[in-house]
Amino acid sequence: MANEVRQLARGSSEAVNEITRVLKENSALVLRTTEAMQRVVEQGHTSQTSVQEIESIVNEILQGAQSVSHSIERLTLEPA
């Protein structure tokens, strides 16, 4: 009987150790996942900023092109 109790205690101890190991692994995985998600959010903000900068540059180019187009139009309409 005492031998069975020792075997149960050993089995319980091993189970507790295994549960502890799994919980530590899960905690580490959650931490890595959280960090990865934070990097994705940061990259999203960086991409958004880049897109806004590109949009601004394209708008400036468009305005410049429209200005050149109007200038050419005026030159072609002026009597020679």
Protein backbone atom coordinates (compact mmCIF):
# COMPACT_ATOMS: atom_id res chain seq x y z
CA MET A 1 0.00 0.00 0.00
CA ALA A 2 2.77 2.43 0.89
CA ASN A 3 4.43 1.63 -2.42
CA GLU A 4 1.26 2.57 -4.29
CA VAL A 5 1.06 5.87 -2.39
CA ARG A 6 4.69 6.64 -3.30
CA GLN A 7 3.97 5.82 -6.95
CA LEU A 8 0.90 8.08 -6.92
CA ALA A 9 2.90 10.86 -5.26
CA ARG A 10 5.69 10.47 -7.84
CA GLY A 11 3.14 10.50 -10.66
CA SER A 12 1.47 13.59 -9.22
CA SER A 13 4.84 15.31 -8.88
CA GLU A 14 5.72 14.48 -12.48
CA ALA A 15 2.34 15.77 -13.64
CA VAL A 16 2.85 19.03 -11.73
CA ASN A 17 6.30 19.42 -13.29
CA GLU A 18 4.89 18.79 -16.76
CA ILE A 19 2.05 21.27 -16.20
CA THR A 20 4.55 23.86 -14.97
CA ARG A 21 6.74 23.30 -18.05
CA VAL A 22 3.76 23.66 -20.40
CA LEU A 23 2.59 26.83 -18.66
CA LYS A 24 6.08 28.35 -18.95
CA GLU A 25 6.19 27.47 -22.65
CA ASN A 26 2.74 28.99 -23.16
CA SER A 27 3.77 32.15 -21.33
CA ALA A 28 6.87 32.46 -23.51
CA LEU A 29 4.77 31.91 -26.63
CA VAL A 30 2.28 34.57 -25.56
CA LEU A 31 5.13 37.01 -24.94
CA ARG A 32 6.69 36.34 -28.37
CA THR A 33 3.29 36.66 -30.04
CA THR A 34 2.61 39.95 -28.27
CA GLU A 35 5.99 41.32 -29.30
CA ALA A 36 5.42 40.24 -32.90
CA MET A 37 2.01 41.89 -32.95
CA GLN A 38 3.53 45.10 -31.60
CA ARG A 39 6.10 45.05 -34.41
CA VAL A 40 3.32 44.54 -36.96
CA VAL A 41 1.42 47.53 -35.55
CA GLU A 42 4.57 49.66 -35.66
CA GLN A 43 5.24 48.60 -39.25
CA GLY A 44 1.64 49.44 -40.10
CA HIS A 45 2.10 52.95 -38.71
CA THR A 46 5.35 53.32 -40.65
CA SER A 47 3.67 52.14 -43.84
CA GLN A 48 0.77 54.52 -43.29
CA THR A 49 3.20 57.41 -42.82
CA SER A 50 5.05 56.41 -46.00
CA VAL A 51 1.82 56.24 -47.97
CA GLN A 52 0.83 59.69 -46.72
CA GLU A 53 4.22 61.08 -47.70
CA ILE A 54 3.94 59.50 -51.16
CA GLU A 55 0.44 60.92 -51.54
CA SER A 56 1.73 64.38 -50.68
CA ILE A 57 4.58 64.11 -53.20
CA VAL A 58 2.23 62.86 -55.93
CA ASN A 59 -0.12 65.77 -55.22
CA GLU A 60 2.78 68.21 -55.53
CA ILE A 61 3.78 66.63 -58.84
CA LEU A 62 0.18 66.84 -60.04
CA GLN A 63 -0.04 70.51 -59.10
CA GLY A 64 3.24 71.19 -60.89
CA ALA A 65 2.05 69.35 -63.98
CA GLN A 66 -1.22 71.29 -63.97
CA SER A 67 0.72 74.54 -63.64
CA VAL A 68 2.95 73.64 -66.59
CA SER A 69 -0.12 72.61 -68.59
CA HIS A 70 -1.83 75.96 -67.90
CA SER A 71 1.32 77.84 -68.83
CA ILE A 72 1.60 75.95 -72.12
CA GLU A 73 -2.08 76.58 -72.80
CA ARG A 74 -1.66 80.31 -72.23
CA LEU A 75 1.41 80.40 -74.49
CA THR A 76 -0.45 78.64 -77.28
CA LEU A 77 -3.41 81.02 -76.98
CA GLU A 78 -1.29 84.19 -77.09
CA PRO A 79 -1.02 85.78 -80.50
CA ALA A 80 2.42 85.42 -82.00
